[in-house]
Amino acid sequence: MNQLTEQTIGCPYCGEAIHILIDPSDLDQQYIEDCQVCCKPINFRVSESIDGALIVSVYSDDDAF
């Protein structure tokens, strides 16, 4: 059973720190969630580091992937 991992990200629009839950089964996935503060769409990409830790990258619509 996969456990959710809590991470803190900075909104690429307003800069607020936002706590999110990441499901390890989302590995190598991209998805969009609205910022809980400014309501703008944040693009998320979940990947894995060499040592197996989950990495969450966030981008605005203006940023290139």
C-alpha atoms as a PDB file:
ATOM      1  CA  MET A   1       0.000   0.000   0.000  1.00  0.00           C
ATOM      2  CA  ASN A   2       1.391   3.398  -1.015  1.00  0.00           C
ATOM      3  CA  GLN A   3       1.520   6.079   1.633  1.00  0.00           C
ATOM      4  CA  LEU A   4       0.975   9.717   0.808  1.00  0.00           C
ATOM      5  CA  THR A   5       3.972  11.979   1.290  1.00  0.00           C
ATOM      6  CA  GLU A   6       3.527  15.561   2.493  1.00  0.00           C
ATOM      7  CA  GLN A   7       5.663  18.209   0.829  1.00  0.00           C
ATOM      8  CA  THR A   8       5.734  21.983   0.853  1.00  0.00           C
ATOM      9  CA  ILE A   9       5.953  23.835  -2.451  1.00  0.00           C
ATOM     10  CA  GLY A  10       6.034  27.515  -3.333  1.00  0.00           C
ATOM     11  CA  CYS A  11       3.304  28.742  -5.673  1.00  0.00           C
ATOM     12  CA  PRO A  12       4.973  29.948  -8.905  1.00  0.00           C
ATOM     13  CA  TYR A  13       2.463  32.828  -9.048  1.00  0.00           C
ATOM     14  CA  CYS A  14       2.042  34.250  -5.538  1.00  0.00           C
ATOM     15  CA  GLY A  15       5.017  32.603  -3.790  1.00  0.00           C
ATOM     16  CA  GLU A  16       2.957  31.291  -0.852  1.00  0.00           C
ATOM     17  CA  ALA A  17       4.127  28.061   0.776  1.00  0.00           C
ATOM     18  CA  ILE A  18       1.506  25.367   0.195  1.00  0.00           C
ATOM     19  CA  HIS A  19       1.397  21.924   1.820  1.00  0.00           C
ATOM     20  CA  ILE A  20       0.471  19.169  -0.612  1.00  0.00           C
ATOM     21  CA  LEU A  21       0.095  15.387  -0.422  1.00  0.00           C
ATOM     22  CA  ILE A  22       1.895  13.362  -3.076  1.00  0.00           C
ATOM     23  CA  ASP A  23       0.887   9.829  -3.963  1.00  0.00           C
ATOM     24  CA  PRO A  24       3.957   7.754  -4.946  1.00  0.00           C
ATOM     25  CA  SER A  25       1.849   6.157  -7.688  1.00  0.00           C
ATOM     26  CA  ASP A  26       1.863   9.609  -9.393  1.00  0.00           C
ATOM     27  CA  LEU A  27       5.535   9.061 -10.281  1.00  0.00           C
ATOM     28  CA  ASP A  28       6.400  10.393 -13.758  1.00  0.00           C
ATOM     29  CA  GLN A  29       3.004  12.090 -14.000  1.00  0.00           C
ATOM     30  CA  GLN A  30       2.049  15.678 -14.725  1.00  0.00           C
ATOM     31  CA  TYR A  31      -1.131  17.270 -13.413  1.00  0.00           C
ATOM     32  CA  ILE A  32      -2.662  20.652 -12.593  1.00  0.00           C
ATOM     33  CA  GLU A  33      -4.042  21.866  -9.248  1.00  0.00           C
ATOM     34  CA  ASP A  34      -5.220  25.343  -8.349  1.00  0.00           C
ATOM     35  CA  CYS A  35      -3.246  27.286  -5.741  1.00  0.00           C
ATOM     36  CA  GLN A  36      -5.075  27.285  -2.409  1.00  0.00           C
ATOM     37  CA  VAL A  37      -4.212  30.978  -1.954  1.00  0.00           C
ATOM     38  CA  CYS A  38      -4.418  32.757  -5.338  1.00  0.00           C
ATOM     39  CA  CYS A  39      -6.469  30.096  -7.223  1.00  0.00           C
ATOM     40  CA  LYS A  40      -4.187  30.105 -10.291  1.00  0.00           C
ATOM     41  CA  PRO A  41      -3.412  26.743 -11.966  1.00  0.00           C
ATOM     42  CA  ILE A  42      -0.113  25.179 -10.881  1.00  0.00           C
ATOM     43  CA  ASN A  43       1.464  22.542 -13.136  1.00  0.00           C
ATOM     44  CA  PHE A  44       2.977  19.702 -11.109  1.00  0.00           C
ATOM     45  CA  ARG A  45       5.490  17.100 -12.260  1.00  0.00           C
ATOM     46  CA  VAL A  46       6.374  14.203  -9.926  1.00  0.00           C
ATOM     47  CA  SER A  47       9.672  12.379 -10.447  1.00  0.00           C
ATOM     48  CA  GLU A  48      12.134  10.324  -8.421  1.00  0.00           C
ATOM     49  CA  SER A  49      15.707  11.143  -7.426  1.00  0.00           C
ATOM     50  CA  ILE A  50      18.567   8.669  -7.719  1.00  0.00           C
ATOM     51  CA  ASP A  51      18.172   7.743  -4.044  1.00  0.00           C
ATOM     52  CA  GLY A  52      14.430   7.075  -4.455  1.00  0.00           C
ATOM     53  CA  ALA A  53      13.047  10.290  -2.948  1.00  0.00           C
ATOM     54  CA  LEU A  54      10.036  11.910  -4.613  1.00  0.00           C
ATOM     55  CA  ILE A  55      10.727  15.229  -6.336  1.00  0.00           C
ATOM     56  CA  VAL A  56       7.884  17.639  -7.043  1.00  0.00           C
ATOM     57  CA  SER A  57       8.502  20.370  -9.611  1.00  0.00           C
ATOM     58  CA  VAL A  58       5.964  23.173 -10.017  1.00  0.00           C
ATOM     59  CA  TYR A  59       5.495  25.523 -12.953  1.00  0.00           C
ATOM     60  CA  SER A  60       3.187  28.342 -13.985  1.00  0.00           C
ATOM     61  CA  ASP A  61       1.454  28.258 -17.381  1.00  0.00           C
ATOM     62  CA  ASP A  62       4.135  30.657 -18.655  1.00  0.00           C
ATOM     63  CA  ASP A  63       7.044  28.388 -17.671  1.00  0.00           C
ATOM     64  CA  ALA A  64       8.333  25.770 -20.080  1.00  0.00           C
ATOM     65  CA  PHE A  65       8.553  22.147 -18.953  1.00  0.00           C
END
